[in-house]
Amino acid sequence: MPISTVYPKVPLREVLTQVARPIRVEAGDSYRSLGVMWYAKGLFIKDPRKGSEIKAARLFLVEDGDFIYNRLFAWKGSFAVAGPEHIGCVVSGEFPIFRINPKKLSLMYLMAFFSSPWLWEMIAGQSSGTAEVSRLRLKEEVFLRLTIPLPSLQDQERIVKLLDEANELKKLRDQTNQRADALIPKLFHDRFGDPTTNREGWPVVTLGEVGGSGQYGLNSAAMTEGNGVRFIRITDIDEFGTLGRCGPAFVPANTPDLDQYELEEGDVLIARTGATAGKAYIHKTLDERSVFAGYLIRFKIDHARALPTYVLSFLQSAAYWTQLNNLKRGAAQPNVNAKQLASLNFLLPPLSLQREFAVRVGEIREMRTQQVASSKHLDDLFRSMLHRAFNGEL
């Protein structure tokens, strides 16, 4: 095959046909609805619901081999293919269903095409709705006008095979990352035992005894552009207790009383509201001055008694979450306050063991950093392969 081949581009309407298998919703019947995950991650089956709980008058049956997308989140890559396990499930009218022309198009080639981030960006520009991007919808007539490079079926199968092999490498890397993520909790358990039973007999204190009564953060609007003081928010903190989920935000440097919210190395921040209530972060000195937002509570740990690495690992343990969930129980909107957090029981092993633990954790985190860089490299290579595949360069 030539190094580069110009594939003809055809509108999707020439290779896809929209289908509808409507069924009437009956109050006494039970229905298994499907959702479409973002970023072309596939379909998921929701918990069964009675017809009496469903507002729609009709739903649409799904069959093996259907190509489905979510009108509302097409710009987020909400595309998927139904398999045998989805037969008999239903979707609402917000999920158009299509069948391919198998004489012209491979279903897996189509799915690979809609796994391309550059395509999702283009779709965002062609979707319509309110001014809020989250309300954009990709209507069927616009979807069917999209064009797809269409090599021969033989070349489609070859391209899919190459992309599948590359994707397998990504999956292996993801599995390695998951194993690394499990190392720190296992190490914590091996070093200090189960905090719930405390068989080692470590002293039990409260978080308040080693971290003070807790301080609420700064109530201020965040700026995502311009200069100012770095503003740490709930949304910035990931599941590992590190920053990086969102782009940095700032508050004006002349904000009143800013000094009292300035963060220092080793400060503990705990989210106090919503689904993230209880999520913790140990501050590490950044290149710029940093303050923290109002939905976070700061505890200033006495480092002569407890090391930041140990504190963060405890705040990610099952024992901590069990205590926290008992505090949140019964609330319509999960919330915890500084007094409740300060009352949480906290095991305090010898500082020498905490130091040994911190050294090992540092080694694991360094390995994890290298894995993240490797994962990003693989993701970049895969995106490059996708782009080349649909431009006839594979």
Protein backbone atom coordinates (compact mmCIF):
# COMPACT_ATOMS: atom_id res chain seq x y z
CA MET A 1 0.00 0.00 0.00
CA PRO A 2 1.33 3.55 -0.72
CA ILE A 3 2.66 5.54 2.23
CA SER A 4 -0.25 7.93 1.83
CA THR A 5 -3.61 7.29 0.19
CA VAL A 6 -6.42 9.80 -0.20
CA TYR A 7 -9.57 8.00 0.90
CA PRO A 8 -12.86 9.23 -0.55
CA LYS A 9 -15.01 11.02 2.02
CA VAL A 10 -18.69 10.20 2.06
CA PRO A 11 -21.55 11.61 4.14
CA LEU A 12 -22.69 9.29 6.91
CA ARG A 13 -26.17 9.23 5.36
CA GLU A 14 -24.69 7.07 2.57
CA VAL A 15 -23.49 4.34 4.93
CA LEU A 16 -25.84 4.64 7.94
CA THR A 17 -29.60 4.33 8.27
CA GLN A 18 -31.46 5.61 11.29
CA VAL A 19 -33.79 3.04 12.83
CA ALA A 20 -36.48 3.23 15.49
CA ARG A 21 -38.10 0.36 17.38
CA PRO A 22 -40.57 2.20 19.61
CA ILE A 23 -42.35 0.53 22.47
CA ARG A 24 -45.10 1.96 24.64
CA VAL A 25 -44.12 2.47 28.29
CA GLU A 26 -46.44 0.52 30.58
CA ALA A 27 -46.67 1.54 34.23
CA GLY A 28 -46.33 -2.01 35.57
CA ASP A 29 -43.45 -3.13 33.35
CA SER A 30 -39.73 -2.88 34.15
CA TYR A 31 -37.19 -1.41 31.72
CA ARG A 32 -33.39 -1.65 31.47
CA SER A 33 -32.19 1.63 30.01
CA LEU A 34 -28.79 2.26 28.47
CA GLY A 35 -26.45 5.20 28.84
CA VAL A 36 -23.53 6.10 26.59
CA MET A 37 -20.26 6.89 28.33
CA TRP A 38 -18.13 9.85 27.34
CA TYR A 39 -14.92 9.53 25.31
CA ALA A 40 -16.16 6.51 23.33
CA LYS A 41 -15.94 4.26 26.41
CA GLY A 42 -19.03 2.21 25.53
CA LEU A 43 -22.54 1.61 26.84
CA PHE A 44 -23.62 0.98 30.43
CA ILE A 45 -26.83 -0.59 31.70
CA LYS A 46 -28.74 1.41 34.29
CA ASP A 47 -30.67 -0.08 37.18
CA PRO A 48 -34.11 -1.35 36.05
CA ARG A 49 -36.97 1.14 36.45
CA LYS A 50 -40.71 0.69 36.51
CA GLY A 51 -42.73 2.33 33.77
CA SER A 52 -44.53 4.35 36.44
CA GLU A 53 -41.17 6.04 37.22
CA ILE A 54 -40.49 7.01 33.60
CA LYS A 55 -41.87 10.26 32.20
CA ALA A 56 -41.54 9.32 28.52
CA ALA A 57 -44.55 7.72 26.80
CA ARG A 58 -42.31 5.52 24.66
CA LEU A 59 -38.79 4.13 24.58
CA PHE A 60 -36.75 2.49 21.82
CA LEU A 61 -35.42 -1.07 21.74
CA VAL A 62 -31.75 -1.73 21.10
CA GLU A 63 -30.30 -4.64 19.12
CA ASP A 64 -26.85 -6.14 18.72
CA GLY A 65 -24.80 -4.11 16.21
CA ASP A 66 -26.63 -0.80 16.70
CA PHE A 67 -24.55 2.38 16.58
CA ILE A 68 -25.85 4.82 19.19
CA TYR A 69 -24.97 8.31 20.30
CA ASN A 70 -26.17 10.76 22.92
CA ARG A 71 -27.44 13.96 21.29
CA LEU A 72 -26.57 16.02 24.35
CA PHE A 73 -23.01 14.80 24.80
CA ALA A 74 -21.83 13.95 21.29
CA TRP A 75 -19.25 16.72 21.72
CA LYS A 76 -17.86 14.67 24.62
CA GLY A 77 -17.43 11.58 22.44
CA SER A 78 -20.63 9.90 23.61
CA PHE A 79 -20.72 7.24 20.86
CA ALA A 80 -21.00 3.46 21.25
CA VAL A 81 -21.82 0.13 19.63
CA ALA A 82 -24.38 -2.25 21.17
CA GLY A 83 -23.41 -5.86 21.77
CA PRO A 84 -25.36 -9.07 22.51
CA GLU A 85 -25.53 -8.13 26.21
CA HIS A 86 -27.62 -5.06 25.30
CA ILE A 87 -30.38 -6.89 23.43
CA GLY A 88 -33.74 -6.00 24.99
CA CYS A 89 -32.45 -2.83 26.61
CA VAL A 90 -33.98 0.53 25.73
CA VAL A 91 -32.96 4.13 25.19
CA SER A 92 -34.88 7.38 25.21
CA GLY A 93 -35.38 9.58 22.19
CA GLU A 94 -32.20 11.47 23.09
CA PHE A 95 -30.20 8.47 21.83
CA PRO A 96 -30.54 8.05 18.05
CA ILE A 97 -29.92 4.52 16.75
CA PHE A 98 -28.33 3.62 13.41
CA ARG A 99 -27.50 0.52 11.37
CA ILE A 100 -24.52 0.36 9.03
CA ASN A 101 -24.42 -0.74 5.40
CA PRO A 102 -22.12 -3.77 5.88
CA LYS A 103 -21.22 -3.81 2.19
CA LYS A 104 -19.52 -0.44 2.57
CA LEU A 105 -18.66 0.06 6.22
CA SER A 106 -17.14 -1.91 9.10
CA LEU A 107 -18.86 -1.23 12.42
CA MET A 108 -15.55 -1.25 14.29
CA TYR A 109 -14.03 1.14 11.74
CA LEU A 110 -16.95 3.50 12.34
CA MET A 111 -16.43 3.24 16.10
CA ALA A 112 -12.71 3.93 15.71
CA PHE A 113 -13.54 7.04 13.68
CA PHE A 114 -15.83 8.34 16.44
CA SER A 115 -13.12 7.69 19.05
CA SER A 116 -11.10 10.61 17.67
CA PRO A 117 -10.79 13.67 19.98
CA TRP A 118 -10.34 16.01 17.01
CA LEU A 119 -13.73 14.83 15.70
CA TRP A 120 -15.42 15.58 19.04
CA GLU A 121 -14.04 19.11 18.89
CA MET A 122 -15.42 19.55 15.39
CA ILE A 123 -18.81 18.19 16.51
CA ALA A 124 -18.92 20.74 19.35
CA GLY A 125 -18.79 23.47 16.71
CA GLN A 126 -21.69 21.93 14.76
CA SER A 127 -23.98 21.19 17.72
CA SER A 128 -26.80 23.53 18.62
CA GLY A 129 -28.56 24.55 21.79
CA THR A 130 -28.38 27.20 24.47
CA ALA A 131 -25.35 29.34 25.16
CA GLU A 132 -24.18 26.81 27.74
CA VAL A 133 -21.87 24.28 26.09
CA SER A 134 -23.28 21.52 28.29
CA ARG A 135 -26.65 21.95 26.55
CA LEU A 136 -25.35 21.48 23.00
CA ARG A 137 -27.18 18.84 20.95
CA LEU A 138 -26.05 17.08 17.80
CA LYS A 139 -29.19 16.67 15.74
CA GLU A 140 -29.51 13.68 13.43
CA GLU A 141 -29.63 15.73 10.25
CA VAL A 142 -26.31 17.36 11.18
CA PHE A 143 -24.82 14.04 12.27
CA LEU A 144 -25.71 12.40 8.95
CA ARG A 145 -24.04 15.25 7.05
CA LEU A 146 -20.70 14.48 8.69
CA THR A 147 -18.26 12.86 6.29
CA ILE A 148 -16.12 9.79 6.95
CA PRO A 149 -13.00 8.68 5.00
CA LEU A 150 -14.03 5.42 3.35
CA PRO A 151 -11.31 3.01 2.26
CA SER A 152 -12.12 -0.51 1.09
CA LEU A 153 -13.52 -2.95 3.65
CA GLN A 154 -10.18 -4.77 3.55
CA ASP A 155 -8.32 -1.57 4.44
CA GLN A 156 -10.90 -0.75 7.10
CA GLU A 157 -10.24 -4.10 8.77
CA ARG A 158 -6.47 -3.57 8.54
CA ILE A 159 -6.74 -0.11 10.14
CA VAL A 160 -8.95 -1.43 12.95
CA LYS A 161 -6.45 -4.23 13.64
CA LEU A 162 -3.57 -1.75 13.92
CA LEU A 163 -5.55 0.54 16.20
CA ASP A 164 -6.65 -2.41 18.35
CA GLU A 165 -3.02 -3.46 18.84
CA ALA A 166 -2.10 0.08 19.90
CA ASN A 167 -5.10 0.22 22.21
CA GLU A 168 -4.00 -3.01 23.89
CA LEU A 169 -0.74 -1.31 24.86
CA LYS A 170 -2.77 1.49 26.45
CA LYS A 171 -4.85 -1.04 28.39
CA LEU A 172 -1.70 -2.76 29.70
CA ARG A 173 -0.36 0.61 30.84
CA ASP A 174 -3.69 1.41 32.56
CA GLN A 175 -3.55 -1.93 34.40
CA THR A 176 0.00 -1.16 35.54
CA ASN A 177 -1.14 2.27 36.76
CA GLN A 178 -4.00 0.69 38.74
CA ARG A 179 -1.61 -1.71 40.43
CA ALA A 180 0.66 1.20 41.36
CA ASP A 181 -2.30 3.11 42.78
CA ALA A 182 -3.05 0.18 45.09
CA LEU A 183 0.51 0.04 46.47
CA ILE A 184 0.23 2.95 48.93
CA PRO A 185 -2.97 1.72 50.66
CA LYS A 186 -1.43 -1.76 50.90
CA LEU A 187 1.81 -0.35 52.29
CA PHE A 188 -0.18 1.70 54.84
CA HIS A 189 -2.04 -1.44 55.96
CA ASP A 190 1.18 -3.50 56.15
CA ARG A 191 3.02 -0.86 58.21
CA PHE A 192 0.27 0.24 60.58
CA GLY A 193 -2.40 -2.47 60.48
CA ASP A 194 -6.14 -1.96 60.10
CA PRO A 195 -7.07 1.36 61.77
CA THR A 196 -10.55 -0.01 62.49
CA THR A 197 -9.27 -2.75 64.81
CA ASN A 198 -5.95 -1.08 65.80
CA ARG A 199 -4.43 -4.42 66.79
CA GLU A 200 -1.02 -2.75 67.11
CA GLY A 201 -2.40 -0.63 69.93
CA TRP A 202 -1.26 2.72 68.53
CA PRO A 203 -2.36 5.80 70.50
CA VAL A 204 -5.70 7.17 69.32
CA VAL A 205 -6.10 10.94 69.10
CA THR A 206 -8.52 13.17 67.23
CA LEU A 207 -7.65 15.03 64.07
CA GLY A 208 -8.22 18.22 66.06
CA GLU A 209 -5.55 17.23 68.60
CA VAL A 210 -2.88 17.14 65.89
CA GLY A 211 -4.37 19.69 63.49
CA GLY A 212 -6.30 22.30 65.45
CA SER A 213 -9.96 23.25 65.21
CA GLY A 214 -10.01 23.80 61.43
CA GLN A 215 -10.29 26.97 59.35
CA TYR A 216 -12.79 27.66 56.57
CA GLY A 217 -11.43 28.98 53.29
CA LEU A 218 -11.83 32.22 51.37
CA ASN A 219 -15.20 32.99 49.78
CA SER A 220 -14.25 34.62 46.51
CA ALA A 221 -14.93 34.23 42.81
CA ALA A 222 -12.13 32.47 40.96
CA MET A 223 -10.40 33.88 37.88
CA THR A 224 -9.14 31.40 35.30
CA GLU A 225 -7.28 34.04 33.31
CA GLY A 226 -4.96 36.88 34.26
CA ASN A 227 -2.58 37.29 37.17
CA GLY A 228 -3.20 36.94 40.87
CA VAL A 229 -2.73 34.56 43.78
CA ARG A 230 -3.22 30.82 43.13
CA PHE A 231 -6.63 29.72 44.38
CA ILE A 232 -6.96 26.04 45.41
CA ARG A 233 -10.54 24.72 44.97
CA ILE A 234 -12.31 21.40 45.54
CA THR A 235 -12.37 20.77 41.80
CA ASP A 236 -8.57 21.01 41.58
CA ILE A 237 -8.00 17.99 43.85
CA ASP A 238 -7.93 14.51 42.33
CA GLU A 239 -8.63 11.13 43.94
CA PHE A 240 -4.95 10.73 44.90
CA GLY A 241 -4.91 13.92 46.96
CA THR A 242 -2.88 15.87 44.42
CA LEU A 243 -3.61 18.89 42.23
CA GLY A 244 -4.19 18.77 38.51
CA ARG A 245 -7.84 17.99 37.73
CA CYS A 246 -8.46 21.51 36.39
CA GLY A 247 -6.48 24.42 35.05
CA PRO A 248 -5.18 26.81 37.72
CA ALA A 249 -7.46 29.52 39.12
CA PHE A 250 -6.56 32.79 40.84
CA VAL A 251 -7.92 35.57 43.05
CA PRO A 252 -6.81 39.21 42.87
CA ALA A 253 -3.68 39.94 44.92
CA ASN A 254 -5.45 42.88 46.59
CA THR A 255 -8.28 40.71 48.01
CA PRO A 256 -8.87 41.76 51.66
CA ASP A 257 -7.44 39.55 54.44
CA LEU A 258 -5.69 37.27 51.95
CA ASP A 259 -2.80 36.54 54.30
CA GLN A 260 -4.96 34.52 56.72
CA TYR A 261 -5.77 32.01 53.96
CA GLU A 262 -2.22 31.56 52.67
CA LEU A 263 -1.15 27.91 52.51
CA GLU A 264 2.04 26.44 53.94
CA GLU A 265 3.83 23.18 53.24
CA GLY A 266 2.00 20.27 54.89
CA ASP A 267 -1.35 22.00 55.45
CA VAL A 268 -4.28 19.59 55.20
CA LEU A 269 -7.33 20.66 53.17
CA ILE A 270 -10.55 18.66 53.42
CA ALA A 271 -13.63 19.23 51.23
CA ARG A 272 -16.72 19.97 53.31
CA THR A 273 -19.69 19.75 50.94
CA GLY A 274 -21.31 17.82 48.11
CA ALA A 275 -20.27 14.51 46.58
CA THR A 276 -16.61 15.30 47.28
CA ALA A 277 -17.11 15.94 51.03
CA GLY A 278 -14.18 14.38 52.88
CA LYS A 279 -11.72 14.42 49.98
CA ALA A 280 -8.31 15.48 51.30
CA TYR A 281 -5.22 17.24 49.99
CA ILE A 282 -1.84 17.86 51.64
CA HIS A 283 -0.37 21.10 50.35
CA LYS A 284 3.05 21.12 48.78
CA THR A 285 4.77 24.43 48.23
CA LEU A 286 4.12 25.75 44.73
CA ASP A 287 6.15 28.27 42.77
CA GLU A 288 3.50 30.88 43.52
CA ARG A 289 1.69 32.07 46.61
CA SER A 290 -1.46 29.99 47.24
CA VAL A 291 -4.72 30.39 49.17
CA PHE A 292 -7.68 28.04 49.58
CA ALA A 293 -11.38 28.31 48.75
CA GLY A 294 -14.41 28.45 51.02
CA TYR A 295 -15.64 24.89 50.49
CA LEU A 296 -12.38 23.58 51.95
CA ILE A 297 -11.35 23.38 55.62
CA ARG A 298 -7.70 23.68 56.65
CA PHE A 299 -6.03 21.78 59.47
CA LYS A 300 -2.48 22.80 60.38
CA ILE A 301 -0.83 19.55 61.42
CA ASP A 302 1.76 19.45 64.19
CA HIS A 303 4.62 17.88 62.21
CA ALA A 304 6.42 16.94 65.40
CA ARG A 305 3.64 14.38 65.90
CA ALA A 306 2.34 13.48 62.44
CA LEU A 307 3.97 13.64 58.99
CA PRO A 308 1.94 14.92 56.01
CA THR A 309 2.41 11.71 53.99
CA TYR A 310 1.05 9.60 56.85
CA VAL A 311 -1.86 12.00 57.43
CA LEU A 312 -2.92 11.92 53.77
CA SER A 313 -2.80 8.12 53.66
CA PHE A 314 -4.94 7.91 56.81
CA LEU A 315 -7.42 10.36 55.25
CA GLN A 316 -7.73 8.00 52.29
CA SER A 317 -8.23 4.85 54.37
CA ALA A 318 -11.47 2.90 54.73
CA ALA A 319 -11.48 3.62 58.47
CA TYR A 320 -11.53 7.37 57.84
CA TRP A 321 -14.33 7.11 55.26
CA THR A 322 -16.42 4.93 57.56
CA GLN A 323 -16.27 7.61 60.27
CA LEU A 324 -16.96 10.37 57.77
CA ASN A 325 -19.94 8.64 56.18
CA ASN A 326 -21.50 8.18 59.61
CA LEU A 327 -21.26 11.94 60.09
CA LYS A 328 -22.87 12.64 56.68
CA ARG A 329 -25.65 10.05 57.02
CA GLY A 330 -29.20 11.35 56.66
CA ALA A 331 -28.26 14.63 55.01
CA ALA A 332 -29.91 15.38 51.66
CA GLN A 333 -26.74 17.21 50.61
CA PRO A 334 -23.63 15.62 52.16
CA ASN A 335 -21.88 18.19 54.34
CA VAL A 336 -19.36 18.09 57.16
CA ASN A 337 -18.16 20.96 59.30
CA ALA A 338 -14.87 21.76 60.99
CA LYS A 339 -16.03 20.59 64.42
CA GLN A 340 -17.09 17.18 63.04
CA LEU A 341 -13.83 16.70 61.14
CA ALA A 342 -11.77 17.71 64.19
CA SER A 343 -13.56 15.00 66.21
CA LEU A 344 -12.52 12.14 63.90
CA ASN A 345 -10.35 9.46 65.50
CA PHE A 346 -6.80 9.35 64.24
CA LEU A 347 -4.14 6.69 64.91
CA LEU A 348 -0.73 8.04 65.89
CA PRO A 349 2.09 5.49 65.39
CA PRO A 350 5.70 6.43 66.26
CA LEU A 351 7.26 9.17 64.14
CA SER A 352 10.10 6.82 63.15
CA LEU A 353 7.61 4.45 61.45
CA GLN A 354 5.88 7.38 59.78
CA ARG A 355 9.26 8.48 58.34
CA GLU A 356 10.00 5.00 56.96
CA PHE A 357 6.53 4.95 55.42
CA ALA A 358 7.04 8.42 53.88
CA VAL A 359 10.27 7.30 52.19
CA ARG A 360 8.57 4.29 50.59
CA VAL A 361 5.60 6.40 49.52
CA GLY A 362 7.99 8.88 47.89
CA GLU A 363 9.51 6.05 45.85
CA ILE A 364 6.07 4.83 44.76
CA ARG A 365 4.96 8.34 43.78
CA GLU A 366 8.11 8.84 41.73
CA MET A 367 7.33 5.61 39.88
CA ARG A 368 3.73 6.80 39.44
CA THR A 369 4.94 10.11 37.98
CA GLN A 370 7.01 8.23 35.42
CA GLN A 371 4.00 6.05 34.59
CA VAL A 372 1.80 9.12 34.06
CA ALA A 373 4.38 10.52 31.64
CA SER A 374 4.49 7.18 29.84
CA SER A 375 0.68 7.05 29.66
CA LYS A 376 0.55 10.55 28.19
CA HIS A 377 3.13 9.55 25.59
CA LEU A 378 1.06 6.49 24.63
CA ASP A 379 -2.11 8.61 24.44
CA ASP A 380 -0.35 11.11 22.18
CA LEU A 381 0.89 8.30 19.93
CA PHE A 382 -2.59 6.77 19.76
CA ARG A 383 -4.17 10.10 18.82
CA SER A 384 -1.51 10.50 16.14
CA MET A 385 -2.30 7.01 14.83
CA LEU A 386 -6.01 7.85 14.68
CA HIS A 387 -5.30 11.00 12.71
CA ARG A 388 -2.97 9.19 10.32
CA ALA A 389 -5.36 6.27 9.91
CA PHE A 390 -8.19 8.41 8.59
CA ASN A 391 -5.83 10.38 6.36
CA GLY A 392 -4.59 7.26 4.58
CA GLU A 393 -1.14 7.24 6.22
CA LEU A 394 -1.24 3.84 7.93
